[in-house]
Amino acid sequence: MNKFIKLPLYLAIVGALTTAALATVHQFTAPIIAENIIKAEEAALQELFEGAISVVLDEEPEHKFDKNEEKSGLVSLFIVSQDDTILGYVYKSSVVGYKGGVITFLISISPDGVYNGYKVVTMQDQTSGIGTKVADADFYEQFLDKEITSVSEIVKLDGATITTQPVVDAIKAATQHFSAHIKQ
């Protein structure tokens, strides 16, 4: 067989087999990965609200996010309650940080409008010691246990502005959504 036909044919066969192998692996691992992400979110929610009995994904139309809120990274809103008493509202946000890595985090706000929890659930491709600082206490303690109206400016971290800016924007979007739709 001619070299010009043999080599591309060989490469096409290897490429097709590799693609089939990757697709098969993905088919088996995708549900496991999705289940692990859900477990991590549930664990984070339980950590934010110890003793909470009910965590419900809020699907009420008046609490739906508009385009700007979705663009800021807001994904979903959970209502956490115990014995018919609302303990708080948890906003799940997913933003893109440095190098395109996704950061998924939860920010909780009490019914009276106080930030009472922050937890990074997943973080991909962030520079260790710089972008990963959004999960450190130094970052979230600046707004934790403060009223949402008293936190005018969340300070971005030096050297990690590409990562912290979208996180700060998502926190501000959650604050605006809470003020406009939940806190009356």
C-alpha atoms as a PDB file:
ATOM      1  CA  MET A   1       0.000   0.000   0.000  1.00  0.00           C
ATOM      2  CA  ASN A   2       1.130   3.494  -0.706  1.00  0.00           C
ATOM      3  CA  LYS A   3       2.695   5.425   2.229  1.00  0.00           C
ATOM      4  CA  PHE A   4       0.419   8.387   1.600  1.00  0.00           C
ATOM      5  CA  ILE A   5      -2.639   6.214   2.163  1.00  0.00           C
ATOM      6  CA  LYS A   6      -1.289   3.882   4.846  1.00  0.00           C
ATOM      7  CA  LEU A   7      -0.194   6.516   7.398  1.00  0.00           C
ATOM      8  CA  PRO A   8      -3.403   8.630   7.375  1.00  0.00           C
ATOM      9  CA  LEU A   9      -5.496   5.453   7.497  1.00  0.00           C
ATOM     10  CA  TYR A  10      -3.498   4.210  10.504  1.00  0.00           C
ATOM     11  CA  LEU A  11      -3.872   7.572  12.264  1.00  0.00           C
ATOM     12  CA  ALA A  12      -7.619   7.635  11.550  1.00  0.00           C
ATOM     13  CA  ILE A  13      -8.070   4.153  13.044  1.00  0.00           C
ATOM     14  CA  VAL A  14      -6.024   5.043  16.149  1.00  0.00           C
ATOM     15  CA  GLY A  15      -7.990   8.283  16.533  1.00  0.00           C
ATOM     16  CA  ALA A  16     -11.338   6.488  16.206  1.00  0.00           C
ATOM     17  CA  LEU A  17     -10.345   3.829  18.752  1.00  0.00           C
ATOM     18  CA  THR A  18      -9.089   6.464  21.192  1.00  0.00           C
ATOM     19  CA  THR A  19     -12.289   8.473  20.794  1.00  0.00           C
ATOM     20  CA  ALA A  20     -14.400   5.370  21.405  1.00  0.00           C
ATOM     21  CA  ALA A  21     -12.371   4.511  24.519  1.00  0.00           C
ATOM     22  CA  LEU A  22     -12.724   8.039  25.922  1.00  0.00           C
ATOM     23  CA  ALA A  23     -16.460   8.094  25.199  1.00  0.00           C
ATOM     24  CA  THR A  24     -16.889   4.761  26.989  1.00  0.00           C
ATOM     25  CA  VAL A  25     -14.942   5.955  30.030  1.00  0.00           C
ATOM     26  CA  HIS A  26     -16.971   9.186  30.087  1.00  0.00           C
ATOM     27  CA  GLN A  27     -20.235   7.244  29.905  1.00  0.00           C
ATOM     28  CA  PHE A  28     -19.318   5.280  33.036  1.00  0.00           C
ATOM     29  CA  THR A  29     -17.690   8.083  35.034  1.00  0.00           C
ATOM     30  CA  ALA A  30     -20.041  11.021  34.310  1.00  0.00           C
ATOM     31  CA  PRO A  31     -22.835   9.819  36.645  1.00  0.00           C
ATOM     32  CA  ILE A  32     -20.313   9.107  39.408  1.00  0.00           C
ATOM     33  CA  ILE A  33     -18.772  12.557  39.053  1.00  0.00           C
ATOM     34  CA  ALA A  34     -22.217  14.213  39.083  1.00  0.00           C
ATOM     35  CA  GLU A  35     -23.183  12.230  42.201  1.00  0.00           C
ATOM     36  CA  ASN A  36     -19.954  13.270  43.949  1.00  0.00           C
ATOM     37  CA  ILE A  37     -20.620  16.932  43.146  1.00  0.00           C
ATOM     38  CA  ILE A  38     -24.119  16.648  44.621  1.00  0.00           C
ATOM     39  CA  LYS A  39     -22.698  14.984  47.750  1.00  0.00           C
ATOM     40  CA  ALA A  40     -20.115  17.779  48.103  1.00  0.00           C
ATOM     41  CA  GLU A  41     -22.855  20.418  47.807  1.00  0.00           C
ATOM     42  CA  GLU A  42     -25.030  18.627  50.361  1.00  0.00           C
ATOM     43  CA  ALA A  43     -22.088  18.366  52.766  1.00  0.00           C
ATOM     44  CA  ALA A  44     -21.341  22.070  52.293  1.00  0.00           C
ATOM     45  CA  LEU A  45     -24.991  22.962  52.936  1.00  0.00           C
ATOM     46  CA  GLN A  46     -25.000  20.871  56.111  1.00  0.00           C
ATOM     47  CA  GLU A  47     -21.756  22.562  57.180  1.00  0.00           C
ATOM     48  CA  LEU A  48     -23.271  25.999  56.641  1.00  0.00           C
ATOM     49  CA  PHE A  49     -26.430  25.126  58.563  1.00  0.00           C
ATOM     50  CA  GLU A  50     -25.737  22.501  61.189  1.00  0.00           C
ATOM     51  CA  GLY A  51     -28.902  20.784  62.303  1.00  0.00           C
ATOM     52  CA  ALA A  52     -30.957  21.843  59.306  1.00  0.00           C
ATOM     53  CA  ILE A  53     -33.574  19.290  58.451  1.00  0.00           C
ATOM     54  CA  SER A  54     -34.789  20.531  55.101  1.00  0.00           C
ATOM     55  CA  VAL A  55     -32.859  21.979  52.206  1.00  0.00           C
ATOM     56  CA  VAL A  56     -35.107  22.752  49.249  1.00  0.00           C
ATOM     57  CA  LEU A  57     -34.138  24.045  45.837  1.00  0.00           C
ATOM     58  CA  ASP A  58     -36.273  27.153  45.375  1.00  0.00           C
ATOM     59  CA  GLU A  59     -38.098  27.044  42.081  1.00  0.00           C
ATOM     60  CA  GLU A  60     -40.566  29.845  42.710  1.00  0.00           C
ATOM     61  CA  PRO A  61     -40.932  32.121  39.650  1.00  0.00           C
ATOM     62  CA  GLU A  62     -40.491  35.321  41.669  1.00  0.00           C
ATOM     63  CA  HIS A  63     -37.060  34.138  42.797  1.00  0.00           C
ATOM     64  CA  LYS A  64     -35.778  33.224  39.339  1.00  0.00           C
ATOM     65  CA  PHE A  65     -32.576  34.903  38.279  1.00  0.00           C
ATOM     66  CA  ASP A  66     -32.544  37.467  35.509  1.00  0.00           C
ATOM     67  CA  LYS A  67     -29.938  37.482  32.742  1.00  0.00           C
ATOM     68  CA  ASN A  68     -27.528  39.774  34.627  1.00  0.00           C
ATOM     69  CA  GLU A  69     -27.707  37.627  37.759  1.00  0.00           C
ATOM     70  CA  GLU A  70     -27.082  34.485  35.728  1.00  0.00           C
ATOM     71  CA  LYS A  71     -24.217  36.228  33.935  1.00  0.00           C
ATOM     72  CA  SER A  72     -22.729  37.062  37.355  1.00  0.00           C
ATOM     73  CA  GLY A  73     -22.629  33.360  38.157  1.00  0.00           C
ATOM     74  CA  LEU A  74     -25.777  32.705  40.176  1.00  0.00           C
ATOM     75  CA  VAL A  75     -26.966  29.176  39.484  1.00  0.00           C
ATOM     76  CA  SER A  76     -29.582  28.296  42.075  1.00  0.00           C
ATOM     77  CA  LEU A  77     -31.200  29.319  45.331  1.00  0.00           C
ATOM     78  CA  PHE A  78     -31.774  26.924  48.229  1.00  0.00           C
ATOM     79  CA  ILE A  79     -34.102  27.596  51.130  1.00  0.00           C
ATOM     80  CA  VAL A  80     -32.865  25.962  54.338  1.00  0.00           C
ATOM     81  CA  SER A  81     -35.439  25.316  57.039  1.00  0.00           C
ATOM     82  CA  GLN A  82     -36.121  23.399  60.213  1.00  0.00           C
ATOM     83  CA  ASP A  83     -39.604  22.782  61.615  1.00  0.00           C
ATOM     84  CA  ASP A  84     -41.213  25.231  59.147  1.00  0.00           C
ATOM     85  CA  THR A  85     -38.782  27.968  60.212  1.00  0.00           C
ATOM     86  CA  ILE A  86     -36.542  29.358  57.500  1.00  0.00           C
ATOM     87  CA  LEU A  87     -32.938  29.320  58.714  1.00  0.00           C
ATOM     88  CA  GLY A  88     -31.512  31.001  55.647  1.00  0.00           C
ATOM     89  CA  TYR A  89     -31.071  31.251  51.926  1.00  0.00           C
ATOM     90  CA  VAL A  90     -28.115  29.729  50.120  1.00  0.00           C
ATOM     91  CA  TYR A  91     -27.044  30.942  46.711  1.00  0.00           C
ATOM     92  CA  LYS A  92     -25.040  28.543  44.593  1.00  0.00           C
ATOM     93  CA  SER A  93     -22.680  30.330  42.240  1.00  0.00           C
ATOM     94  CA  SER A  94     -20.394  29.010  39.572  1.00  0.00           C
ATOM     95  CA  VAL A  95     -17.858  31.417  38.103  1.00  0.00           C
ATOM     96  CA  VAL A  96     -14.830  31.209  35.852  1.00  0.00           C
ATOM     97  CA  GLY A  97     -11.535  32.188  37.413  1.00  0.00           C
ATOM     98  CA  TYR A  98      -7.957  32.214  36.220  1.00  0.00           C
ATOM     99  CA  LYS A  99      -7.103  29.980  33.233  1.00  0.00           C
ATOM    100  CA  GLY A 100     -10.777  29.213  32.701  1.00  0.00           C
ATOM    101  CA  GLY A 101     -11.029  27.140  35.873  1.00  0.00           C
ATOM    102  CA  VAL A 102     -14.492  26.931  37.384  1.00  0.00           C
ATOM    103  CA  ILE A 103     -15.123  27.855  41.019  1.00  0.00           C
ATOM    104  CA  THR A 104     -18.400  26.692  42.525  1.00  0.00           C
ATOM    105  CA  PHE A 105     -19.300  28.120  45.907  1.00  0.00           C
ATOM    106  CA  LEU A 106     -22.194  28.671  48.269  1.00  0.00           C
ATOM    107  CA  ILE A 107     -22.998  31.944  50.027  1.00  0.00           C
ATOM    108  CA  SER A 108     -25.656  31.905  52.721  1.00  0.00           C
ATOM    109  CA  ILE A 109     -27.715  34.807  53.957  1.00  0.00           C
ATOM    110  CA  SER A 110     -29.913  34.677  57.050  1.00  0.00           C
ATOM    111  CA  PRO A 111     -33.574  35.759  56.784  1.00  0.00           C
ATOM    112  CA  ASP A 112     -32.689  39.082  58.424  1.00  0.00           C
ATOM    113  CA  GLY A 113     -30.009  39.844  55.835  1.00  0.00           C
ATOM    114  CA  VAL A 114     -26.718  38.785  57.430  1.00  0.00           C
ATOM    115  CA  TYR A 115     -24.018  36.842  55.601  1.00  0.00           C
ATOM    116  CA  ASN A 116     -23.694  33.733  57.711  1.00  0.00           C
ATOM    117  CA  GLY A 117     -21.779  31.304  55.558  1.00  0.00           C
ATOM    118  CA  TYR A 118     -19.467  30.867  52.614  1.00  0.00           C
ATOM    119  CA  LYS A 119     -18.094  27.598  51.305  1.00  0.00           C
ATOM    120  CA  VAL A 120     -16.148  26.745  48.164  1.00  0.00           C
ATOM    121  CA  VAL A 121     -17.489  23.443  46.820  1.00  0.00           C
ATOM    122  CA  THR A 122     -15.220  22.909  43.811  1.00  0.00           C
ATOM    123  CA  MET A 123     -12.251  24.772  42.408  1.00  0.00           C
ATOM    124  CA  GLN A 124     -10.478  23.892  39.172  1.00  0.00           C
ATOM    125  CA  ASP A 125      -7.214  25.150  37.686  1.00  0.00           C
ATOM    126  CA  GLN A 126      -6.471  27.912  40.177  1.00  0.00           C
ATOM    127  CA  THR A 127      -2.918  28.908  41.036  1.00  0.00           C
ATOM    128  CA  SER A 128      -2.030  27.432  44.404  1.00  0.00           C
ATOM    129  CA  GLY A 129      -1.536  30.127  47.019  1.00  0.00           C
ATOM    130  CA  ILE A 130      -2.997  32.861  44.810  1.00  0.00           C
ATOM    131  CA  GLY A 131      -6.311  31.947  43.172  1.00  0.00           C
ATOM    132  CA  THR A 132      -7.030  29.390  45.865  1.00  0.00           C
ATOM    133  CA  LYS A 133      -7.172  32.228  48.405  1.00  0.00           C
ATOM    134  CA  VAL A 134     -10.898  32.636  47.700  1.00  0.00           C
ATOM    135  CA  ALA A 135     -11.381  29.541  49.854  1.00  0.00           C
ATOM    136  CA  ASP A 136      -9.292  30.958  52.735  1.00  0.00           C
ATOM    137  CA  ALA A 137     -10.695  32.607  55.847  1.00  0.00           C
ATOM    138  CA  ASP A 138      -8.830  35.849  55.053  1.00  0.00           C
ATOM    139  CA  PHE A 139     -11.114  36.353  52.064  1.00  0.00           C
ATOM    140  CA  TYR A 140     -14.527  35.468  53.453  1.00  0.00           C
ATOM    141  CA  GLU A 141     -14.106  36.815  56.983  1.00  0.00           C
ATOM    142  CA  GLN A 142     -14.306  40.357  55.584  1.00  0.00           C
ATOM    143  CA  PHE A 143     -18.057  39.941  55.004  1.00  0.00           C
ATOM    144  CA  LEU A 144     -19.067  37.013  57.206  1.00  0.00           C
ATOM    145  CA  ASP A 145     -21.487  37.831  60.053  1.00  0.00           C
ATOM    146  CA  LYS A 146     -22.121  41.305  58.629  1.00  0.00           C
ATOM    147  CA  GLU A 147     -25.360  42.712  57.310  1.00  0.00           C
ATOM    148  CA  ILE A 148     -25.583  42.756  53.558  1.00  0.00           C
ATOM    149  CA  THR A 149     -26.282  46.494  53.653  1.00  0.00           C
ATOM    150  CA  SER A 150     -23.107  47.234  55.643  1.00  0.00           C
ATOM    151  CA  VAL A 151     -20.758  45.480  53.265  1.00  0.00           C
ATOM    152  CA  SER A 152     -20.170  48.116  50.636  1.00  0.00           C
ATOM    153  CA  GLU A 153     -16.938  46.866  49.161  1.00  0.00           C
ATOM    154  CA  ILE A 154     -15.529  43.374  49.325  1.00  0.00           C
ATOM    155  CA  VAL A 155     -11.772  43.666  48.990  1.00  0.00           C
ATOM    156  CA  LYS A 156     -10.240  41.692  46.172  1.00  0.00           C
ATOM    157  CA  LEU A 157      -7.090  39.744  46.975  1.00  0.00           C
ATOM    158  CA  ASP A 158      -3.754  41.072  45.744  1.00  0.00           C
ATOM    159  CA  GLY A 159      -2.356  38.918  42.966  1.00  0.00           C
ATOM    160  CA  ALA A 160      -5.619  37.051  42.515  1.00  0.00           C
ATOM    161  CA  THR A 161      -7.869  39.653  40.913  1.00  0.00           C
ATOM    162  CA  ILE A 162      -8.749  37.443  37.936  1.00  0.00           C
ATOM    163  CA  THR A 163     -10.093  34.834  40.334  1.00  0.00           C
ATOM    164  CA  THR A 164     -11.613  37.054  43.010  1.00  0.00           C
ATOM    165  CA  GLN A 165     -13.417  39.498  40.699  1.00  0.00           C
ATOM    166  CA  PRO A 166     -16.007  36.982  39.442  1.00  0.00           C
ATOM    167  CA  VAL A 167     -16.475  35.634  42.992  1.00  0.00           C
ATOM    168  CA  VAL A 168     -17.073  39.168  44.309  1.00  0.00           C
ATOM    169  CA  ASP A 169     -19.470  39.893  41.423  1.00  0.00           C
ATOM    170  CA  ALA A 170     -21.470  36.743  42.217  1.00  0.00           C
ATOM    171  CA  ILE A 171     -21.654  37.649  45.916  1.00  0.00           C
ATOM    172  CA  LYS A 172     -22.895  41.128  44.989  1.00  0.00           C
ATOM    173  CA  ALA A 173     -25.471  39.625  42.594  1.00  0.00           C
ATOM    174  CA  ALA A 174     -26.712  37.321  45.380  1.00  0.00           C
ATOM    175  CA  THR A 175     -26.965  40.322  47.695  1.00  0.00           C
ATOM    176  CA  GLN A 176     -28.958  42.324  45.147  1.00  0.00           C
ATOM    177  CA  HIS A 177     -31.255  39.384  44.434  1.00  0.00           C
ATOM    178  CA  PHE A 178     -31.863  38.825  48.152  1.00  0.00           C
ATOM    179  CA  SER A 179     -32.596  42.512  48.730  1.00  0.00           C
ATOM    180  CA  ALA A 180     -34.936  42.775  45.756  1.00  0.00           C
ATOM    181  CA  HIS A 181     -36.844  39.499  46.003  1.00  0.00           C
ATOM    182  CA  ILE A 182     -36.613  38.000  49.474  1.00  0.00           C
ATOM    183  CA  LYS A 183     -36.006  40.527  52.227  1.00  0.00           C
ATOM    184  CA  GLN A 184     -39.109  42.651  52.482  1.00  0.00           C
END
